[in-house]
Amino acid sequence: GRPSAAQLTAEISARLALPGLRWLTIDVDGAELLDDELARVLHRARAAATAAGIDFDVRATRPGPRRWLARHGLDEAESRVPRPRSPGRPGWPTRPRSP
């Protein structure tokens, strides 16, 4: 689709307000048109999530959306700063236990 900045802001805000939320991933592959204003919304959402202790990712697999993410500094390799993860998050390594 073609999300507006207002729509995206409202949807992300609602999700960030969910109690107990530990991470939020936004997948932009389904968007037909990614306006530059959406990048500002996603940067603000990332800052709000980080301030609340929520991991926030923006992902895409299609070439067009991946280029858009890179151009706006939203691709994972360019914009994520590693932070300590909670041990209960699936897919994250945990320290081996001492015998």
Protein backbone atom coordinates (compact mmCIF):
# COMPACT_ATOMS: atom_id res chain seq x y z
CA GLY A 1 0.00 0.00 0.00
CA ARG A 2 0.86 3.66 0.32
CA PRO A 3 0.92 4.51 4.01
CA SER A 4 0.73 8.14 5.02
CA ALA A 5 2.98 9.56 7.72
CA ALA A 6 -0.07 10.06 9.96
CA GLN A 7 -1.21 6.46 9.49
CA LEU A 8 2.23 5.07 10.18
CA THR A 9 2.68 7.28 13.24
CA ALA A 10 -0.66 6.15 14.68
CA GLU A 11 0.00 2.45 14.05
CA ILE A 12 3.52 2.48 15.48
CA SER A 13 2.43 4.56 18.50
CA ALA A 14 -0.33 2.06 19.27
CA ARG A 15 2.10 -0.83 19.16
CA LEU A 16 4.77 0.92 21.22
CA ALA A 17 2.12 1.51 23.89
CA LEU A 18 1.44 -2.22 24.31
CA PRO A 19 2.39 -3.35 27.81
CA GLY A 20 5.37 -5.70 27.94
CA LEU A 21 6.49 -5.02 24.37
CA ARG A 22 10.17 -5.92 23.99
CA TRP A 23 10.73 -5.52 20.27
CA LEU A 24 8.96 -4.21 17.20
CA THR A 25 9.84 -4.98 13.59
CA ILE A 26 8.48 -2.90 10.72
CA ASP A 27 8.55 -4.68 7.35
CA VAL A 28 8.32 -2.23 4.45
CA ASP A 29 8.28 -4.80 1.62
CA GLY A 30 4.52 -4.44 1.16
CA ALA A 31 4.66 -0.69 0.58
CA GLU A 32 4.23 0.40 -3.03
CA LEU A 33 5.49 3.90 -2.37
CA LEU A 34 7.81 4.99 0.44
CA ASP A 35 7.63 8.74 0.83
CA ASP A 36 10.62 10.51 2.36
CA GLU A 37 8.38 11.75 5.18
CA LEU A 38 7.99 8.13 6.32
CA ALA A 39 11.73 8.01 7.03
CA ARG A 40 11.33 10.81 9.58
CA VAL A 41 8.46 8.90 11.22
CA LEU A 42 10.58 5.75 11.42
CA HIS A 43 13.57 7.61 12.87
CA ARG A 44 11.34 9.17 15.55
CA ALA A 45 9.77 5.78 16.27
CA ARG A 46 13.21 4.20 16.66
CA ALA A 47 14.22 6.94 19.11
CA ALA A 48 11.00 6.50 21.12
CA ALA A 49 11.42 2.72 21.19
CA THR A 50 15.04 3.00 22.29
CA ALA A 51 14.06 5.41 25.07
CA ALA A 52 11.44 2.90 26.23
CA GLY A 53 13.90 -0.03 26.14
CA ILE A 54 12.21 -1.62 23.11
CA ASP A 55 14.27 -3.09 20.26
CA PHE A 56 13.14 -1.57 16.96
CA ASP A 57 13.99 -2.85 13.49
CA VAL A 58 12.95 -1.77 10.01
CA ARG A 59 13.38 -4.51 7.42
CA ALA A 60 12.95 -5.18 3.73
CA THR A 61 13.98 -7.97 1.36
CA ARG A 62 13.01 -6.41 -1.99
CA PRO A 63 15.74 -4.35 -3.69
CA GLY A 64 13.74 -1.10 -3.97
CA PRO A 65 12.73 -0.90 -0.32
CA ARG A 66 16.23 -2.00 0.76
CA ARG A 67 17.75 0.89 -1.21
CA TRP A 68 15.21 3.28 0.34
CA LEU A 69 16.16 2.07 3.85
CA ALA A 70 19.87 2.49 3.10
CA ARG A 71 19.36 5.95 1.58
CA HIS A 72 17.56 7.09 4.73
CA GLY A 73 19.91 5.43 7.22
CA LEU A 74 17.29 2.92 8.31
CA ASP A 75 18.89 -0.29 7.11
CA GLU A 76 19.99 -2.56 9.89
CA ALA A 77 23.69 -2.53 9.02
CA GLU A 78 23.89 1.25 8.92
CA SER A 79 21.67 2.40 11.74
CA ARG A 80 21.57 -0.13 14.55
CA VAL A 81 23.72 0.33 17.56
CA PRO A 82 24.17 -2.97 19.37
CA ARG A 83 22.64 -2.98 22.83
CA PRO A 84 22.48 -5.66 25.47
CA ARG A 85 19.58 -7.99 24.75
CA SER A 86 17.23 -9.60 27.15
CA PRO A 87 18.10 -13.29 27.56
CA GLY A 88 14.57 -14.44 26.80
CA ARG A 89 14.51 -13.08 23.25
CA PRO A 90 14.45 -15.96 20.74
CA GLY A 91 17.39 -16.19 18.40
CA TRP A 92 19.88 -14.38 20.62
CA PRO A 93 22.78 -16.32 22.07
CA THR A 94 23.07 -16.77 25.78
CA ARG A 95 26.22 -17.27 27.79
CA PRO A 96 27.18 -20.87 28.49
CA ARG A 97 26.75 -21.89 32.08
CA SER A 98 29.74 -22.82 34.16
CA PRO A 99 29.78 -26.41 35.47
